[in-house]
Amino acid sequence: MRVRVFTNLNLHGDVPLRVQPEIGEWGPRGTVPARAKKRARWLWIAGFVVVVTLLFVLGHWVYGLIMAAGS
């Protein structure tokens, strides 16, 4: 059995009827679509990578300033 990293996007799995979302004409009402959830996950990952990269570049630049000032 393969373990999934993310949650199961099936809204009507083995949950009781009282906690299932209300069904509208084209699907669940008031829930975020699976495509938007997947997009948000990748945007968070990309944002994290960008922030870590910027912090690394800033640290490298400050280190260069400190080493140049000490010479």
N, C-alpha and C. Protein backbone atom coordinates (compact mmCIF):
# COMPACT_ATOMS: atom_id res chain seq x y z
N MET A 1 0.84 -1.19 0.00
CA MET A 1 0.00 0.00 0.00
C MET A 1 0.88 1.24 0.00
N ARG A 2 0.57 2.17 -0.87
CA ARG A 2 1.35 3.41 -0.99
C ARG A 2 0.76 4.47 -0.07
N VAL A 3 1.60 5.06 0.75
CA VAL A 3 1.17 6.11 1.68
C VAL A 3 1.26 7.45 0.95
N ARG A 4 0.17 8.21 0.98
CA ARG A 4 0.16 9.51 0.33
C ARG A 4 0.69 10.58 1.27
N VAL A 5 1.38 11.54 0.70
CA VAL A 5 1.96 12.62 1.50
C VAL A 5 0.87 13.61 1.91
N PHE A 6 -0.04 13.92 0.99
CA PHE A 6 -1.06 14.90 1.27
C PHE A 6 -2.38 14.23 1.64
N THR A 7 -3.32 15.02 2.07
CA THR A 7 -4.62 14.48 2.47
C THR A 7 -5.40 13.96 1.28
N ASN A 8 -6.34 13.11 1.55
CA ASN A 8 -7.21 12.59 0.51
C ASN A 8 -8.20 13.68 0.13
N LEU A 9 -8.28 14.00 -1.15
CA LEU A 9 -9.15 15.07 -1.61
C LEU A 9 -10.58 14.61 -1.83
N ASN A 10 -10.86 13.34 -1.61
CA ASN A 10 -12.22 12.84 -1.75
C ASN A 10 -13.04 13.31 -0.55
N LEU A 11 -14.08 14.12 -0.81
CA LEU A 11 -14.87 14.69 0.28
C LEU A 11 -15.91 13.74 0.82
N HIS A 12 -16.16 12.64 0.11
CA HIS A 12 -17.19 11.71 0.53
C HIS A 12 -16.63 10.32 0.77
N GLY A 13 -15.52 10.24 1.43
CA GLY A 13 -14.91 8.95 1.71
C GLY A 13 -15.68 8.20 2.79
N ASP A 14 -15.02 7.80 3.81
CA ASP A 14 -15.62 7.04 4.89
C ASP A 14 -16.08 7.92 6.05
N VAL A 15 -16.56 9.11 5.74
CA VAL A 15 -17.00 10.03 6.79
C VAL A 15 -18.52 9.96 6.92
N PRO A 16 -19.05 10.26 8.12
CA PRO A 16 -20.51 10.24 8.30
C PRO A 16 -21.20 11.31 7.46
N LEU A 17 -22.47 11.11 7.19
CA LEU A 17 -23.23 12.06 6.37
C LEU A 17 -23.29 13.45 6.97
N ARG A 18 -23.31 13.55 8.30
CA ARG A 18 -23.47 14.86 8.94
C ARG A 18 -22.26 15.77 8.72
N VAL A 19 -21.09 15.22 8.38
CA VAL A 19 -19.91 16.05 8.17
C VAL A 19 -19.56 16.21 6.69
N GLN A 20 -20.31 15.58 5.81
CA GLN A 20 -20.05 15.75 4.38
C GLN A 20 -20.58 17.10 3.92
N PRO A 21 -19.90 17.74 2.96
CA PRO A 21 -20.37 19.05 2.48
C PRO A 21 -21.70 18.93 1.75
N GLU A 22 -22.44 20.02 1.75
CA GLU A 22 -23.71 20.06 1.05
C GLU A 22 -23.47 19.98 -0.46
N ILE A 23 -24.24 19.18 -1.15
CA ILE A 23 -24.05 18.98 -2.58
C ILE A 23 -24.94 19.95 -3.35
N GLY A 24 -24.31 20.69 -4.26
CA GLY A 24 -25.04 21.61 -5.11
C GLY A 24 -25.29 20.98 -6.47
N GLU A 25 -25.67 21.79 -7.44
CA GLU A 25 -25.98 21.28 -8.77
C GLU A 25 -24.73 20.72 -9.47
N TRP A 26 -23.58 21.38 -9.27
CA TRP A 26 -22.35 20.98 -9.95
C TRP A 26 -21.32 20.39 -9.00
N GLY A 27 -21.68 20.09 -7.78
CA GLY A 27 -20.73 19.52 -6.83
C GLY A 27 -20.89 20.15 -5.47
N PRO A 28 -19.91 19.95 -4.59
CA PRO A 28 -20.00 20.48 -3.23
C PRO A 28 -20.07 22.00 -3.22
N ARG A 29 -20.86 22.55 -2.31
CA ARG A 29 -21.00 24.00 -2.17
C ARG A 29 -20.08 24.51 -1.08
N GLY A 30 -19.42 25.60 -1.33
CA GLY A 30 -18.60 26.26 -0.30
C GLY A 30 -17.30 25.56 0.01
N THR A 31 -16.81 24.70 -0.85
CA THR A 31 -15.53 24.04 -0.63
C THR A 31 -14.56 24.48 -1.71
N VAL A 32 -13.29 24.45 -1.38
CA VAL A 32 -12.26 24.84 -2.32
C VAL A 32 -12.02 23.68 -3.29
N PRO A 33 -11.94 23.95 -4.59
CA PRO A 33 -11.70 22.87 -5.55
C PRO A 33 -10.33 22.23 -5.36
N ALA A 34 -10.21 20.98 -5.73
CA ALA A 34 -8.95 20.25 -5.59
C ALA A 34 -7.83 20.91 -6.38
N ARG A 35 -8.16 21.46 -7.54
CA ARG A 35 -7.14 22.12 -8.36
C ARG A 35 -6.55 23.33 -7.62
N ALA A 36 -7.39 24.09 -6.93
CA ALA A 36 -6.91 25.25 -6.17
C ALA A 36 -6.04 24.81 -4.99
N LYS A 37 -6.39 23.69 -4.36
CA LYS A 37 -5.58 23.17 -3.26
C LYS A 37 -4.20 22.77 -3.75
N LYS A 38 -4.16 22.08 -4.89
CA LYS A 38 -2.87 21.65 -5.43
C LYS A 38 -2.03 22.86 -5.83
N ARG A 39 -2.67 23.86 -6.44
CA ARG A 39 -1.95 25.08 -6.84
C ARG A 39 -1.40 25.80 -5.62
N ALA A 40 -2.19 25.87 -4.55
CA ALA A 40 -1.74 26.55 -3.34
C ALA A 40 -0.55 25.83 -2.71
N ARG A 41 -0.56 24.50 -2.75
CA ARG A 41 0.57 23.74 -2.20
C ARG A 41 1.85 24.08 -2.93
N TRP A 42 1.80 24.10 -4.27
CA TRP A 42 3.00 24.40 -5.05
C TRP A 42 3.42 25.85 -4.89
N LEU A 43 2.47 26.77 -4.74
CA LEU A 43 2.83 28.17 -4.52
C LEU A 43 3.54 28.36 -3.18
N TRP A 44 3.09 27.65 -2.14
CA TRP A 44 3.77 27.73 -0.85
C TRP A 44 5.18 27.18 -0.93
N ILE A 45 5.35 26.06 -1.63
CA ILE A 45 6.68 25.47 -1.78
C ILE A 45 7.59 26.42 -2.55
N ALA A 46 7.08 26.97 -3.66
CA ALA A 46 7.88 27.91 -4.46
C ALA A 46 8.22 29.16 -3.65
N GLY A 47 7.26 29.67 -2.90
CA GLY A 47 7.52 30.84 -2.05
C GLY A 47 8.58 30.56 -1.00
N PHE A 48 8.52 29.39 -0.40
CA PHE A 48 9.51 29.01 0.61
C PHE A 48 10.91 28.94 0.00
N VAL A 49 11.01 28.34 -1.18
CA VAL A 49 12.30 28.24 -1.85
C VAL A 49 12.84 29.63 -2.19
N VAL A 50 11.98 30.53 -2.65
CA VAL A 50 12.40 31.89 -2.98
C VAL A 50 12.89 32.62 -1.73
N VAL A 51 12.16 32.50 -0.62
CA VAL A 51 12.55 33.18 0.62
C VAL A 51 13.89 32.64 1.13
N VAL A 52 14.06 31.33 1.12
CA VAL A 52 15.33 30.75 1.59
C VAL A 52 16.47 31.21 0.69
N THR A 53 16.26 31.25 -0.60
CA THR A 53 17.30 31.70 -1.53
C THR A 53 17.65 33.16 -1.28
N LEU A 54 16.64 34.01 -1.09
CA LEU A 54 16.91 35.43 -0.81
C LEU A 54 17.66 35.62 0.50
N LEU A 55 17.30 34.84 1.52
CA LEU A 55 18.03 34.93 2.79
C LEU A 55 19.48 34.50 2.64
N PHE A 56 19.72 33.46 1.85
CA PHE A 56 21.09 33.01 1.59
C PHE A 56 21.89 34.09 0.87
N VAL A 57 21.29 34.69 -0.17
CA VAL A 57 21.98 35.74 -0.93
C VAL A 57 22.25 36.96 -0.04
N LEU A 58 21.28 37.34 0.77
CA LEU A 58 21.48 38.46 1.69
C LEU A 58 22.61 38.17 2.68
N GLY A 59 22.62 36.98 3.24
CA GLY A 59 23.69 36.59 4.18
C GLY A 59 25.05 36.60 3.51
N HIS A 60 25.11 36.11 2.29
CA HIS A 60 26.38 36.10 1.55
C HIS A 60 26.85 37.53 1.29
N TRP A 61 25.93 38.41 0.94
CA TRP A 61 26.28 39.81 0.68
C TRP A 61 26.78 40.50 1.96
N VAL A 62 26.08 40.29 3.08
CA VAL A 62 26.49 40.89 4.35
C VAL A 62 27.85 40.34 4.78
N TYR A 63 28.06 39.05 4.60
CA TYR A 63 29.36 38.45 4.93
C TYR A 63 30.47 39.10 4.10
N GLY A 64 30.20 39.34 2.82
CA GLY A 64 31.18 40.01 1.97
C GLY A 64 31.48 41.43 2.44
N LEU A 65 30.44 42.14 2.89
CA LEU A 65 30.64 43.50 3.42
C LEU A 65 31.49 43.47 4.68
N ILE A 66 31.23 42.53 5.55
CA ILE A 66 31.97 42.44 6.81
C ILE A 66 33.43 42.08 6.55
N MET A 67 33.67 41.15 5.65
CA MET A 67 35.05 40.75 5.34
C MET A 67 35.79 41.88 4.64
N ALA A 68 35.12 42.65 3.80
CA ALA A 68 35.78 43.76 3.10
C ALA A 68 36.10 44.89 4.08
N ALA A 69 35.24 45.10 5.08
CA ALA A 69 35.45 46.16 6.05
C ALA A 69 36.62 45.84 6.97
N GLY A 70 36.85 44.56 7.21
CA GLY A 70 37.92 44.16 8.13
C GLY A 70 39.27 44.16 7.50
N SER A 71 39.37 44.24 6.17
CA SER A 71 40.66 44.18 5.50
C SER A 71 41.38 45.49 5.53
